[in-house]
């Protein structure tokens, strides 16, 4: 029997299946890229918001108002916090919006030194983004720390 030119049915099916798997792989890569772009947009917003918040606290010198409760703030201002150096203090929880995304800022602080008053401030920025086409929501969180010297806290 003489063989004709062309491909057998099995060769054609294998070629089509390889092609379809590569097309599906390319779609998966592009969809992950789009999702990564959305997530990185939220992350950029969180970083910008956190940086702006911490910078304004340093410039205004009002970090005590945000990172410490009012009763502890009064004790700091009067120099009555000698025994509480190792504790982590809860500050305010703020909601801010940046480019249509709502962010929750949770503020904490740890006292490092009393005179001059130096504390380590912890800022945790959380946000949620809906997953397109689904009813689930992904939650993200960014943590940042800075050390700050506050002139208001010294009792000189």
N, C-alpha and C. Protein backbone atom coordinates (compact mmCIF):
# COMPACT_ATOMS: atom_id res chain seq x y z
N UNK A 1 0.82 -1.16 0.00
CA UNK A 1 0.00 0.00 0.00
C UNK A 1 0.88 1.24 0.00
N UNK A 2 0.47 2.14 -0.78
CA UNK A 2 1.25 3.35 -0.96
C UNK A 2 0.78 4.43 0.03
N UNK A 3 1.72 5.08 0.69
CA UNK A 3 1.40 6.10 1.69
C UNK A 3 1.19 7.44 1.00
N UNK A 4 0.11 8.12 1.39
CA UNK A 4 -0.16 9.43 0.84
C UNK A 4 0.49 10.49 1.69
N UNK A 5 0.67 11.67 1.17
CA UNK A 5 1.23 12.78 1.92
C UNK A 5 0.20 13.31 2.91
N UNK A 6 0.66 13.90 4.00
CA UNK A 6 -0.25 14.47 4.99
C UNK A 6 -0.02 13.85 6.36
N UNK A 7 -0.93 14.19 7.28
CA UNK A 7 -0.79 13.74 8.66
C UNK A 7 -1.86 12.72 8.97
N UNK A 8 -1.55 11.85 9.90
CA UNK A 8 -2.55 10.89 10.35
C UNK A 8 -3.47 11.59 11.34
N UNK A 9 -4.57 10.95 11.65
CA UNK A 9 -5.51 11.51 12.60
C UNK A 9 -4.86 11.69 13.97
N UNK A 10 -4.07 10.73 14.38
CA UNK A 10 -3.40 10.81 15.69
C UNK A 10 -2.44 12.00 15.73
N UNK A 11 -1.67 12.22 14.70
CA UNK A 11 -0.75 13.36 14.66
C UNK A 11 -1.51 14.69 14.71
N UNK A 12 -2.62 14.76 14.03
CA UNK A 12 -3.42 16.00 14.04
C UNK A 12 -4.00 16.25 15.44
N UNK A 13 -4.50 15.21 16.10
CA UNK A 13 -5.05 15.38 17.44
C UNK A 13 -3.97 15.80 18.44
N UNK A 14 -2.80 15.22 18.33
CA UNK A 14 -1.69 15.61 19.22
C UNK A 14 -1.32 17.07 18.98
N UNK A 15 -1.23 17.49 17.74
CA UNK A 15 -0.87 18.87 17.42
C UNK A 15 -1.92 19.85 17.94
N UNK A 16 -3.20 19.51 17.78
CA UNK A 16 -4.27 20.39 18.26
C UNK A 16 -4.25 20.47 19.78
N UNK A 17 -4.02 19.35 20.46
CA UNK A 17 -4.00 19.37 21.93
C UNK A 17 -2.81 20.18 22.44
N UNK A 18 -1.65 20.07 21.81
CA UNK A 18 -0.49 20.88 22.20
C UNK A 18 -0.77 22.37 21.98
N UNK A 19 -1.36 22.68 20.86
CA UNK A 19 -1.69 24.08 20.57
C UNK A 19 -2.69 24.62 21.59
N UNK A 20 -3.74 23.85 21.92
CA UNK A 20 -4.75 24.33 22.87
C UNK A 20 -4.16 24.50 24.27
N UNK A 21 -3.26 23.60 24.68
CA UNK A 21 -2.62 23.77 25.99
C UNK A 21 -1.75 25.03 26.02
N UNK A 22 -1.07 25.33 24.94
CA UNK A 22 -0.24 26.54 24.93
C UNK A 22 -1.10 27.80 24.94
N UNK A 23 -2.25 27.78 24.25
CA UNK A 23 -3.15 28.92 24.27
C UNK A 23 -3.71 29.13 25.68
N UNK A 24 -4.12 28.05 26.34
CA UNK A 24 -4.63 28.15 27.72
C UNK A 24 -3.53 28.68 28.64
N UNK A 25 -2.30 28.22 28.46
CA UNK A 25 -1.18 28.72 29.27
C UNK A 25 -0.95 30.21 29.08
N UNK A 26 -1.03 30.68 27.84
CA UNK A 26 -0.85 32.11 27.57
C UNK A 26 -1.98 32.92 28.22
N UNK A 27 -3.23 32.44 28.13
CA UNK A 27 -4.33 33.13 28.80
C UNK A 27 -4.14 33.18 30.31
N UNK A 28 -3.67 32.10 30.90
CA UNK A 28 -3.43 32.07 32.35
C UNK A 28 -2.36 33.07 32.75
N UNK A 29 -1.31 33.16 31.96
CA UNK A 29 -0.24 34.12 32.26
C UNK A 29 -0.77 35.55 32.19
N UNK A 30 -1.53 35.87 31.14
CA UNK A 30 -2.07 37.23 31.01
C UNK A 30 -3.07 37.56 32.10
N UNK A 31 -3.89 36.59 32.51
CA UNK A 31 -4.86 36.88 33.58
C UNK A 31 -4.15 37.10 34.91
N UNK A 32 -3.07 36.35 35.17
CA UNK A 32 -2.28 36.59 36.39
C UNK A 32 -1.61 37.95 36.34
N UNK A 33 -1.17 38.36 35.17
CA UNK A 33 -0.54 39.67 35.03
C UNK A 33 -1.55 40.78 35.33
N UNK A 34 -2.77 40.63 34.85
CA UNK A 34 -3.80 41.63 35.12
C UNK A 34 -4.12 41.68 36.61
N UNK A 35 -4.26 40.51 37.24
CA UNK A 35 -4.53 40.46 38.67
C UNK A 35 -3.37 41.05 39.46
N UNK A 36 -2.14 40.75 39.06
CA UNK A 36 -0.97 41.31 39.74
C UNK A 36 -0.94 42.83 39.60
N UNK A 37 -1.35 43.33 38.46
CA UNK A 37 -1.41 44.78 38.28
C UNK A 37 -2.42 45.42 39.21
N UNK A 38 -3.56 44.76 39.41
CA UNK A 38 -4.57 45.30 40.33
C UNK A 38 -4.05 45.28 41.76
N UNK A 39 -3.42 44.17 42.15
CA UNK A 39 -2.90 44.06 43.51
C UNK A 39 -1.77 45.06 43.74
N UNK A 40 -0.90 45.22 42.76
CA UNK A 40 0.20 46.17 42.94
C UNK A 40 -0.32 47.60 43.01
N UNK A 41 -1.45 47.87 42.37
CA UNK A 41 -2.05 49.20 42.50
C UNK A 41 -2.50 49.46 43.92
N UNK A 42 -3.11 48.45 44.55
CA UNK A 42 -3.50 48.58 45.95
C UNK A 42 -2.30 48.70 46.86
N UNK A 43 -1.25 47.96 46.55
CA UNK A 43 -0.03 48.03 47.36
C UNK A 43 0.63 49.39 47.22
N UNK A 44 0.70 49.90 46.00
CA UNK A 44 1.28 51.25 45.81
C UNK A 44 0.48 52.29 46.58
N UNK A 45 -0.84 52.18 46.56
CA UNK A 45 -1.68 53.10 47.32
C UNK A 45 -1.43 52.99 48.81
N UNK A 46 -1.28 51.76 49.31
CA UNK A 46 -1.03 51.55 50.74
C UNK A 46 0.33 52.11 51.15
N UNK A 47 1.33 51.89 50.32
CA UNK A 47 2.66 52.41 50.63
C UNK A 47 2.64 53.94 50.62
N UNK A 48 2.00 54.52 49.62
CA UNK A 48 1.93 55.98 49.54
C UNK A 48 1.18 56.56 50.73
N UNK A 49 0.06 55.94 51.09
CA UNK A 49 -0.73 56.42 52.22
C UNK A 49 0.03 56.28 53.53
N UNK A 50 0.67 55.13 53.75
CA UNK A 50 1.44 54.91 54.98
C UNK A 50 2.61 55.89 55.08
N UNK A 51 3.31 56.06 53.98
CA UNK A 51 4.46 56.98 53.98
C UNK A 51 4.01 58.41 54.24
N UNK A 52 2.93 58.82 53.60
CA UNK A 52 2.43 60.18 53.81
C UNK A 52 1.97 60.38 55.26
N UNK A 53 1.31 59.37 55.81
CA UNK A 53 0.84 59.48 57.19
C UNK A 53 2.01 59.59 58.17
N UNK A 54 2.99 58.70 58.02
CA UNK A 54 4.14 58.72 58.94
C UNK A 54 4.97 59.98 58.76
N UNK A 55 5.14 60.44 57.53
CA UNK A 55 5.90 61.68 57.28
C UNK A 55 5.20 62.88 57.90
N UNK A 56 3.89 62.94 57.78
CA UNK A 56 3.17 64.08 58.36
C UNK A 56 3.22 64.04 59.89
N UNK A 57 3.25 62.84 60.47
CA UNK A 57 3.37 62.75 61.92
C UNK A 57 4.75 63.25 62.36
N UNK A 58 5.78 62.93 61.59
CA UNK A 58 7.12 63.41 61.93
C UNK A 58 7.21 64.92 61.77
N UNK A 59 6.67 65.45 60.69
CA UNK A 59 6.74 66.89 60.45
C UNK A 59 5.92 67.68 61.46
N UNK A 60 4.72 67.20 61.76
CA UNK A 60 3.84 67.92 62.68
C UNK A 60 4.20 67.68 64.15
N UNK A 61 4.94 66.60 64.41
CA UNK A 61 5.30 66.28 65.78
C UNK A 61 4.12 65.86 66.63
N UNK A 62 3.06 65.35 66.01
CA UNK A 62 1.87 64.96 66.77
C UNK A 62 1.69 63.44 66.83
N UNK A 63 2.78 62.71 66.80
CA UNK A 63 2.70 61.26 66.86
C UNK A 63 2.09 60.74 68.14
N UNK A 64 2.31 61.44 69.25
CA UNK A 64 1.72 61.02 70.52
C UNK A 64 0.21 60.97 70.44
N UNK A 65 -0.38 61.89 69.69
CA UNK A 65 -1.84 61.95 69.56
C UNK A 65 -2.40 60.72 68.86
N UNK A 66 -1.63 60.11 67.99
CA UNK A 66 -2.11 59.00 67.18
C UNK A 66 -1.67 57.63 67.71
N UNK A 67 -0.45 57.54 68.23
CA UNK A 67 0.11 56.24 68.58
C UNK A 67 -0.11 55.84 70.04
N UNK A 68 -0.58 56.75 70.88
CA UNK A 68 -0.80 56.43 72.28
C UNK A 68 -2.20 56.87 72.70
N UNK A 69 -2.80 56.11 73.62
CA UNK A 69 -4.11 56.49 74.16
C UNK A 69 -3.98 57.78 74.96
N UNK A 70 -5.08 58.54 75.12
CA UNK A 70 -5.00 59.82 75.81
C UNK A 70 -4.45 59.73 77.24
N UNK A 71 -4.83 58.70 78.00
CA UNK A 71 -4.33 58.59 79.38
C UNK A 71 -2.83 58.34 79.40
N UNK A 72 -2.35 57.50 78.48
CA UNK A 72 -0.92 57.24 78.41
C UNK A 72 -0.17 58.46 77.89
N UNK A 73 -0.79 59.19 76.99
CA UNK A 73 -0.18 60.41 76.47
C UNK A 73 0.05 61.41 77.60
N UNK A 74 -0.93 61.55 78.49
CA UNK A 74 -0.76 62.46 79.63
C UNK A 74 0.36 61.99 80.54
N UNK A 75 0.45 60.68 80.77
CA UNK A 75 1.53 60.14 81.61
C UNK A 75 2.89 60.39 80.97
N UNK A 76 2.95 60.28 79.65
CA UNK A 76 4.21 60.54 78.94
C UNK A 76 4.58 62.02 79.07
N UNK A 77 3.60 62.88 78.89
CA UNK A 77 3.86 64.32 78.98
C UNK A 77 4.33 64.72 80.38
N UNK A 78 3.87 64.00 81.40
CA UNK A 78 4.24 64.32 82.77
C UNK A 78 5.44 63.49 83.24
N UNK A 79 5.97 62.62 82.38
CA UNK A 79 7.15 61.83 82.72
C UNK A 79 6.87 60.70 83.70
N UNK A 80 5.66 60.12 83.67
CA UNK A 80 5.30 59.06 84.62
C UNK A 80 5.20 57.69 83.96
N UNK A 81 6.09 57.34 83.03
CA UNK A 81 5.98 56.06 82.33
C UNK A 81 7.23 55.19 82.50
N UNK A 82 7.93 55.31 83.59
CA UNK A 82 9.21 54.61 83.76
C UNK A 82 9.05 53.10 83.77
N UNK A 83 7.94 52.57 84.27
CA UNK A 83 7.80 51.13 84.42
C UNK A 83 7.16 50.44 83.22
N UNK A 84 6.87 51.15 82.16
CA UNK A 84 6.12 50.57 81.05
C UNK A 84 6.91 50.56 79.74
N UNK A 85 8.19 50.38 79.81
CA UNK A 85 9.03 50.49 78.62
C UNK A 85 8.86 49.34 77.63
N UNK A 86 8.56 48.13 78.09
CA UNK A 86 8.56 46.98 77.20
C UNK A 86 7.20 46.66 76.59
N UNK A 87 6.19 47.41 76.89
CA UNK A 87 4.84 47.11 76.40
C UNK A 87 4.62 47.68 75.00
N UNK A 88 3.74 47.02 74.29
CA UNK A 88 3.31 47.50 72.98
C UNK A 88 1.95 48.17 73.17
N UNK A 89 1.86 49.45 72.85
CA UNK A 89 0.66 50.22 73.12
C UNK A 89 -0.20 50.35 71.87
N UNK A 90 -1.49 50.28 72.09
CA UNK A 90 -2.45 50.41 71.00
C UNK A 90 -2.78 51.87 70.79
N UNK A 91 -2.70 52.28 69.55
CA UNK A 91 -3.06 53.65 69.19
C UNK A 91 -4.41 53.67 68.51
N UNK A 92 -4.59 54.63 67.66
CA UNK A 92 -5.87 54.79 66.97
C UNK A 92 -5.99 53.82 65.79
N UNK A 93 -7.21 53.63 65.36
CA UNK A 93 -7.50 52.93 64.12
C UNK A 93 -8.21 53.92 63.21
N UNK A 94 -7.62 54.17 62.06
CA UNK A 94 -8.13 55.19 61.15
C UNK A 94 -8.54 54.56 59.83
N UNK A 95 -9.54 55.13 59.19
CA UNK A 95 -9.94 54.70 57.85
C UNK A 95 -9.61 55.84 56.90
N UNK A 96 -8.84 55.53 55.88
CA UNK A 96 -8.45 56.52 54.88
C UNK A 96 -8.77 55.96 53.50
N UNK A 97 -9.00 56.85 52.54
CA UNK A 97 -9.28 56.45 51.17
C UNK A 97 -8.21 57.01 50.26
N UNK A 98 -7.72 56.18 49.35
CA UNK A 98 -6.72 56.61 48.38
C UNK A 98 -7.08 55.99 47.04
N UNK A 99 -7.42 56.82 46.07
CA UNK A 99 -7.78 56.39 44.71
C UNK A 99 -8.92 55.37 44.72
N UNK A 100 -9.93 55.63 45.52
CA UNK A 100 -11.11 54.79 45.54
C UNK A 100 -11.00 53.53 46.38
N UNK A 101 -9.87 53.27 46.99
CA UNK A 101 -9.69 52.08 47.83
C UNK A 101 -9.69 52.53 49.28
N UNK A 102 -10.45 51.84 50.12
CA UNK A 102 -10.49 52.17 51.55
C UNK A 102 -9.41 51.37 52.27
N UNK A 103 -8.64 52.07 53.09
CA UNK A 103 -7.57 51.45 53.85
C UNK A 103 -7.84 51.62 55.35
N UNK A 104 -7.54 50.59 56.11
CA UNK A 104 -7.64 50.66 57.57
C UNK A 104 -6.22 50.74 58.11
N UNK A 105 -5.93 51.81 58.86
CA UNK A 105 -4.61 51.99 59.47
C UNK A 105 -4.72 51.66 60.95
N UNK A 106 -3.97 50.65 61.40
CA UNK A 106 -3.92 50.31 62.82
C UNK A 106 -2.56 50.73 63.34
N UNK A 107 -2.57 51.56 64.38
CA UNK A 107 -1.35 52.16 64.90
C UNK A 107 -0.99 51.56 66.25
N UNK A 108 0.29 51.22 66.44
CA UNK A 108 0.82 50.71 67.69
C UNK A 108 2.16 51.39 67.94
N UNK A 109 2.63 51.36 69.19
CA UNK A 109 3.92 51.97 69.50
C UNK A 109 4.56 51.27 70.69
N UNK A 110 5.88 51.30 70.72
CA UNK A 110 6.66 50.78 71.84
C UNK A 110 7.66 51.86 72.24
N UNK A 111 7.70 52.18 73.53
CA UNK A 111 8.62 53.21 74.03
C UNK A 111 10.02 52.62 74.11
N UNK A 112 11.00 53.33 73.53
CA UNK A 112 12.38 52.88 73.56
C UNK A 112 13.22 53.63 74.59
N UNK A 113 12.93 54.92 74.75
CA UNK A 113 13.74 55.75 75.64
C UNK A 113 12.86 56.90 76.13
N UNK A 114 13.11 57.33 77.36
CA UNK A 114 12.25 58.38 77.93
C UNK A 114 12.81 59.79 77.75
N UNK A 115 14.10 59.98 77.88
CA UNK A 115 14.64 61.35 77.80
C UNK A 115 15.89 61.36 76.94
N UNK A 116 15.83 61.79 75.70
CA UNK A 116 14.66 62.30 74.98
C UNK A 116 13.69 61.15 74.67
N UNK A 117 12.43 61.49 74.51
CA UNK A 117 11.39 60.49 74.31
C UNK A 117 11.48 59.93 72.90
N UNK A 118 11.80 58.64 72.81
CA UNK A 118 11.93 57.97 71.51
C UNK A 118 11.03 56.74 71.54
N UNK A 119 10.26 56.56 70.49
CA UNK A 119 9.39 55.39 70.40
C UNK A 119 9.46 54.79 69.01
N UNK A 120 9.15 53.50 68.94
CA UNK A 120 9.06 52.80 67.66
C UNK A 120 7.58 52.71 67.31
N UNK A 121 7.22 53.23 66.18
CA UNK A 121 5.81 53.25 65.75
C UNK A 121 5.59 52.13 64.73
N UNK A 122 4.51 51.41 64.92
CA UNK A 122 4.12 50.34 64.01
C UNK A 122 2.83 50.75 63.32
N UNK A 123 2.81 50.65 62.02
CA UNK A 123 1.62 50.98 61.25
C UNK A 123 1.27 49.76 60.41
N UNK A 124 0.06 49.26 60.56
CA UNK A 124 -0.42 48.15 59.75
C UNK A 124 -1.55 48.68 58.89
N UNK A 125 -1.37 48.59 57.59
CA UNK A 125 -2.34 49.11 56.63
C UNK A 125 -3.01 47.91 55.94
N UNK A 126 -4.33 47.80 56.08
CA UNK A 126 -5.08 46.69 55.50
C UNK A 126 -6.06 47.22 54.46
N UNK A 127 -6.29 46.41 53.44
CA UNK A 127 -7.30 46.77 52.45
C UNK A 127 -7.83 45.50 51.81
N UNK A 128 -9.00 45.61 51.19
CA UNK A 128 -9.64 44.48 50.53
C UNK A 128 -9.92 44.84 49.09
N UNK A 129 -9.82 43.83 48.24
CA UNK A 129 -10.14 44.02 46.83
C UNK A 129 -11.03 42.88 46.37
N UNK A 130 -12.11 43.19 45.68
CA UNK A 130 -12.97 42.11 45.17
C UNK A 130 -12.27 41.37 44.03
N UNK A 131 -12.56 40.09 43.93
CA UNK A 131 -12.03 39.28 42.83
C UNK A 131 -13.02 39.39 41.69
N UNK A 132 -12.60 39.86 40.51
CA UNK A 132 -13.54 40.03 39.40
C UNK A 132 -14.22 38.71 39.03
N UNK A 133 -15.55 38.76 38.90
CA UNK A 133 -16.31 37.59 38.50
C UNK A 133 -16.64 36.64 39.64
N UNK A 134 -16.20 36.96 40.85
CA UNK A 134 -16.47 36.10 42.00
C UNK A 134 -17.04 36.95 43.13
N UNK A 135 -17.62 36.29 44.08
CA UNK A 135 -18.18 37.01 45.22
C UNK A 135 -17.20 37.05 46.39
N UNK A 136 -16.00 36.53 46.20
CA UNK A 136 -15.00 36.55 47.27
C UNK A 136 -14.24 37.87 47.25
N UNK A 137 -13.61 38.15 48.37
CA UNK A 137 -12.78 39.35 48.49
C UNK A 137 -11.42 38.92 49.03
N UNK A 138 -10.38 39.42 48.43
CA UNK A 138 -9.03 39.16 48.93
C UNK A 138 -8.63 40.28 49.87
N UNK A 139 -8.04 39.90 50.98
CA UNK A 139 -7.59 40.89 51.96
C UNK A 139 -6.07 40.96 51.92
N UNK A 140 -5.53 42.15 52.00
CA UNK A 140 -4.08 42.38 51.96
C UNK A 140 -3.69 43.21 53.16
N UNK A 141 -2.41 43.12 53.52
CA UNK A 141 -1.93 43.87 54.68
C UNK A 141 -0.48 44.26 54.45
N UNK A 142 -0.15 45.47 54.84
CA UNK A 142 1.21 46.00 54.73
C UNK A 142 1.62 46.52 56.10
N UNK A 143 2.79 46.13 56.57
CA UNK A 143 3.28 46.61 57.86
C UNK A 143 4.52 47.46 57.65
N UNK A 144 4.63 48.51 58.41
CA UNK A 144 5.81 49.36 58.34
C UNK A 144 6.14 49.87 59.74
N UNK A 145 7.41 50.17 59.96
CA UNK A 145 7.90 50.59 61.28
C UNK A 145 8.80 51.79 61.10
N UNK A 146 8.74 52.73 62.04
CA UNK A 146 9.73 53.79 62.07
C UNK A 146 10.00 54.17 63.52
N UNK A 147 11.18 54.70 63.75
CA UNK A 147 11.57 55.15 65.07
C UNK A 147 11.48 56.67 65.08
N UNK A 148 10.86 57.21 66.12
CA UNK A 148 10.57 58.64 66.13
C UNK A 148 10.95 59.25 67.47
N UNK A 149 11.60 60.38 67.41
CA UNK A 149 11.90 61.16 68.63
C UNK A 149 10.90 62.30 68.72
N UNK A 150 10.21 62.37 69.83
CA UNK A 150 9.16 63.35 69.99
C UNK A 150 9.56 64.33 71.08
N UNK A 151 9.66 65.61 70.74
CA UNK A 151 10.06 66.63 71.71
C UNK A 151 8.98 66.90 72.73
N UNK A 152 7.71 66.63 72.39
CA UNK A 152 6.61 66.90 73.32
C UNK A 152 6.67 65.97 74.53
N UNK A 153 7.23 64.77 74.33
CA UNK A 153 7.22 63.78 75.40
C UNK A 153 8.30 64.00 76.44
N UNK A 154 9.24 64.86 76.23
CA UNK A 154 10.30 65.06 77.21
C UNK A 154 9.80 65.95 78.33
N UNK A 155 10.29 65.73 79.52
CA UNK A 155 9.84 66.51 80.65
C UNK A 155 10.94 67.43 81.14
N UNK A 156 11.54 68.14 80.25
CA UNK A 156 12.65 69.04 80.61
C UNK A 156 12.14 70.34 81.15
